[in-house]
Structures are given as structure tokens and as C-alpha cells.
N, C-alpha and C. Protein backbone atom coordinates (compact mmCIF):
# COMPACT_ATOMS: atom_id res chain seq x y z
N UNK A 1 0.90 -1.33 -0.02
CA UNK A 1 0.10 -0.31 -0.22
C UNK A 1 0.79 1.13 -0.28
N UNK A 2 0.24 2.52 -0.55
CA UNK A 2 1.32 3.23 -0.58
C UNK A 2 -0.06 4.64 -1.60
N UNK A 3 0.47 6.04 -0.81
CA UNK A 3 -0.44 6.87 -1.41
C UNK A 3 0.06 7.17 -2.72
N UNK A 4 -1.03 8.01 -3.44
CA UNK A 4 -1.38 8.01 -4.93
C UNK A 4 -1.93 8.64 -5.39
N UNK A 5 -1.95 9.15 -6.51
CA UNK A 5 -3.23 10.05 -6.79
C UNK A 5 -3.82 8.96 -7.94
N UNK A 6 -5.09 9.32 -8.36
CA UNK A 6 -5.66 8.64 -9.46
C UNK A 6 -5.30 8.85 -10.65
N UNK A 7 -5.13 8.18 -11.39
CA UNK A 7 -4.63 7.97 -12.75
C UNK A 7 -5.84 7.30 -13.33
N UNK A 8 -5.56 7.55 -14.93
CA UNK A 8 -6.57 6.99 -15.53
C UNK A 8 -6.62 5.27 -15.98
N UNK A 9 -5.68 4.95 -15.61
CA UNK A 9 -6.08 3.33 -15.76
C UNK A 9 -6.11 2.96 -14.27
N UNK A 10 -6.55 3.57 -13.18
CA UNK A 10 -6.90 3.17 -12.11
C UNK A 10 -8.40 2.67 -11.80
N UNK A 11 -8.59 1.72 -11.62
CA UNK A 11 -9.87 1.38 -10.56
C UNK A 11 -10.42 1.85 -8.97
N UNK A 12 -11.30 2.98 -9.00
CA UNK A 12 -10.87 3.68 -8.01
C UNK A 12 -12.72 3.08 -7.14
N UNK A 13 -11.84 2.29 -5.99
CA UNK A 13 -13.20 1.89 -5.05
C UNK A 13 -13.23 2.73 -3.10
N UNK A 14 -14.52 3.16 -2.99
CA UNK A 14 -14.30 3.94 -1.42
C UNK A 14 -15.02 2.88 -1.00
N UNK A 15 -14.52 2.86 0.81
CA UNK A 15 -15.11 1.88 1.83
C UNK A 15 -14.80 2.71 3.46
N UNK A 16 -16.02 2.60 3.91
CA UNK A 16 -15.92 3.65 5.24
C UNK A 16 -14.93 4.66 5.49
N UNK A 17 -15.04 5.64 4.25
CA UNK A 17 -14.64 6.76 4.15
C UNK A 17 -13.31 7.23 3.03
N UNK A 18 -12.79 5.65 3.22
CA UNK A 18 -11.37 5.76 2.80
C UNK A 18 -11.62 5.50 1.13
N UNK A 19 -10.42 6.26 0.43
CA UNK A 19 -10.57 5.64 -1.28
C UNK A 19 -9.30 4.72 -1.56
N UNK A 20 -9.45 4.23 -2.12
CA UNK A 20 -8.57 2.81 -2.39
C UNK A 20 -8.31 2.81 -3.59
N UNK A 21 -7.51 2.95 -4.80
CA UNK A 21 -7.09 2.89 -6.36
C UNK A 21 -6.34 1.87 -6.67
N UNK A 22 -6.42 1.18 -7.67
CA UNK A 22 -6.09 -0.13 -7.85
C UNK A 22 -5.74 -0.40 -9.54
N UNK A 23 -4.77 -0.57 -10.29
CA UNK A 23 -4.99 -0.59 -11.44
C UNK A 23 -5.99 -1.51 -11.86
N UNK A 24 -6.41 -0.95 -13.18
CA UNK A 24 -7.48 -1.87 -13.46
C UNK A 24 -7.00 -2.72 -14.45
N UNK A 25 -6.22 -3.32 -14.99
CA UNK A 25 -5.89 -4.84 -15.07
C UNK A 25 -5.27 -5.66 -13.74
N UNK A 26 -4.81 -5.12 -12.82
CA UNK A 26 -4.59 -6.05 -11.63
C UNK A 26 -5.79 -6.46 -11.17
N UNK A 27 -7.03 -5.41 -10.96
CA UNK A 27 -7.89 -5.72 -10.53
C UNK A 27 -8.70 -6.08 -10.82
N UNK A 28 -8.73 -6.90 -12.53
CA UNK A 28 -9.47 -7.83 -12.98
C UNK A 28 -9.21 -8.96 -13.13
N UNK A 29 -7.48 -8.83 -12.75
CA UNK A 29 -7.16 -10.08 -12.33
C UNK A 29 -7.46 -10.89 -10.63
N UNK A 30 -7.44 -9.62 -9.80
CA UNK A 30 -7.69 -10.37 -8.20
C UNK A 30 -8.89 -10.02 -7.74
N UNK A 31 -9.81 -9.64 -8.18
CA UNK A 31 -11.18 -9.52 -7.99
C UNK A 31 -11.68 -10.11 -7.75
N UNK A 32 -12.72 -10.33 -6.84
CA UNK A 32 -12.92 -8.90 -5.87
C UNK A 32 -11.59 -8.95 -4.42
N UNK A 33 -12.12 -7.74 -3.92
CA UNK A 33 -10.81 -7.08 -3.05
C UNK A 33 -11.13 -7.02 -2.19
N UNK A 34 -10.88 -7.10 -0.69
CA UNK A 34 -11.84 -6.42 0.46
C UNK A 34 -10.00 -6.13 1.32
N UNK A 35 -10.46 -4.50 1.99
CA UNK A 35 -9.38 -4.10 2.64
C UNK A 35 -9.97 -4.20 4.16
N UNK A 36 -8.98 -4.14 5.18
CA UNK A 36 -9.85 -4.12 6.10
C UNK A 36 -8.94 -3.64 7.23
N UNK A 37 -8.86 -3.15 7.80
CA UNK A 37 -7.88 -2.49 9.33
C UNK A 37 -8.45 -3.78 10.59
N UNK A 38 -7.36 -4.02 10.74
CA UNK A 38 -7.13 -5.13 11.95
C UNK A 38 -6.40 -4.86 13.24
N UNK A 39 -6.91 -5.62 14.27
CA UNK A 39 -6.09 -5.06 15.33
C UNK A 39 -5.74 -6.49 15.81
N UNK A 40 -4.72 -7.02 16.70
CA UNK A 40 -4.57 -8.02 17.43
C UNK A 40 -2.93 -7.82 18.12
N UNK A 41 -3.05 -8.96 18.86
CA UNK A 41 -1.81 -8.71 20.24
C UNK A 41 -0.70 -8.71 19.21
N UNK A 42 -0.20 -8.87 18.04
CA UNK A 42 0.61 -8.22 17.66
C UNK A 42 1.12 -7.56 16.52
N UNK A 43 -0.14 -6.30 16.96
CA UNK A 43 0.14 -5.16 16.06
C UNK A 43 -1.19 -4.94 15.21
N UNK A 44 -1.35 -3.89 14.88
CA UNK A 44 -2.52 -3.67 13.46
C UNK A 44 -2.23 -2.76 12.60
N UNK A 45 -2.66 -3.28 11.29
CA UNK A 45 -2.62 -2.93 9.94
C UNK A 45 -3.63 -2.90 9.47
N UNK A 46 -3.31 -2.87 7.78
CA UNK A 46 -4.43 -3.23 6.89
C UNK A 46 -3.86 -4.51 6.41
N UNK A 47 -5.42 -5.20 6.37
CA UNK A 47 -5.52 -6.99 5.60
C UNK A 47 -6.23 -6.96 4.09
N UNK A 48 -5.28 -7.08 3.82
CA UNK A 48 -5.59 -7.23 1.84
C UNK A 48 -6.04 -8.54 1.49
N UNK A 49 -7.05 -9.05 0.99
CA UNK A 49 -7.19 -10.21 0.78
C UNK A 49 -7.93 -10.22 -0.58
N UNK A 50 -7.61 -11.21 -1.41
CA UNK A 50 -8.31 -10.87 -3.24
C UNK A 50 -8.37 -12.64 -3.40
N UNK A 51 -8.97 -12.84 -4.76
CA UNK A 51 -9.05 -13.72 -5.21
C UNK A 51 -7.81 -14.55 -5.96
N UNK A 52 -6.43 -13.91 -5.58
CA UNK A 52 -5.27 -14.62 -6.07
C UNK A 52 -4.76 -15.61 -5.51
N UNK A 53 -4.63 -16.55 -5.89
CA UNK A 53 -4.35 -17.61 -5.46
C UNK A 53 -3.54 -17.45 -4.49
N UNK A 54 -3.47 -17.96 -2.84
CA UNK A 54 -1.76 -18.01 -2.25
C UNK A 54 -0.86 -18.65 -2.78
N UNK A 55 0.34 -18.50 -2.91
CA UNK A 55 2.02 -18.74 -3.38
C UNK A 55 1.44 -18.28 -4.92
N UNK A 56 0.48 -17.29 -5.51
CA UNK A 56 1.00 -17.19 -6.77
C UNK A 56 1.61 -15.83 -7.05
N UNK A 57 2.22 -15.70 -7.98
CA UNK A 57 3.16 -14.27 -8.16
C UNK A 57 2.67 -13.05 -8.31
N UNK A 58 3.07 -12.18 -7.07
CA UNK A 58 2.14 -11.37 -7.37
C UNK A 58 2.73 -9.42 -7.12
N UNK A 59 3.97 -9.80 -7.53
CA UNK A 59 4.48 -8.26 -7.29
C UNK A 59 5.04 -8.04 -6.77
N UNK A 60 4.60 -6.64 -6.03
CA UNK A 60 5.43 -5.75 -5.16
C UNK A 60 4.96 -6.50 -3.79
N UNK A 61 3.05 -7.01 -4.02
CA UNK A 61 2.40 -7.31 -2.69
C UNK A 61 3.36 -7.73 -1.81
N UNK A 62 3.29 -7.27 -0.59
CA UNK A 62 3.79 -8.09 0.52
C UNK A 62 2.65 -8.90 1.57
N UNK A 63 1.64 -9.13 0.91
CA UNK A 63 0.44 -9.85 1.71
C UNK A 63 0.32 -11.49 0.89
N UNK A 64 1.29 -12.09 0.78
CA UNK A 64 1.14 -13.39 0.00
C UNK A 64 1.58 -14.86 0.89
């Protein structure tokens, strides 16, 4: 995840007042995508889930 400005080839999604951007081509490959904020004994942060199979190549994402 990173801060970015919308581009022509981005899919724009909003959830609970937060706007998310994802390149349209990637979005088509992995939809549906869910983004949740989670808190646990290990800390807190965002959890990103998609239809992309675990272990599949996913470029620069760190949640595979």
C-alpha cells in the first residue's frame, strides 16, 4: 500500500470513507478485493484479501 493520486488506468473504490486505487488490469485479475483494518496482540494494520491464489506471483505485494 502506498499513497498515490488517481490515474486514468486506475479502478477507484471507497469503503468507510477511505478511497483505494488499484490499476484496472490488476483489479480484473484479482477481484473481488477486500481491505480491512485489523488489530491483534501482534499489532494493527491493513489486511488485503483477493481471489489471487496464495503462492501465486503477485509482484510487489507483501501479503501473499
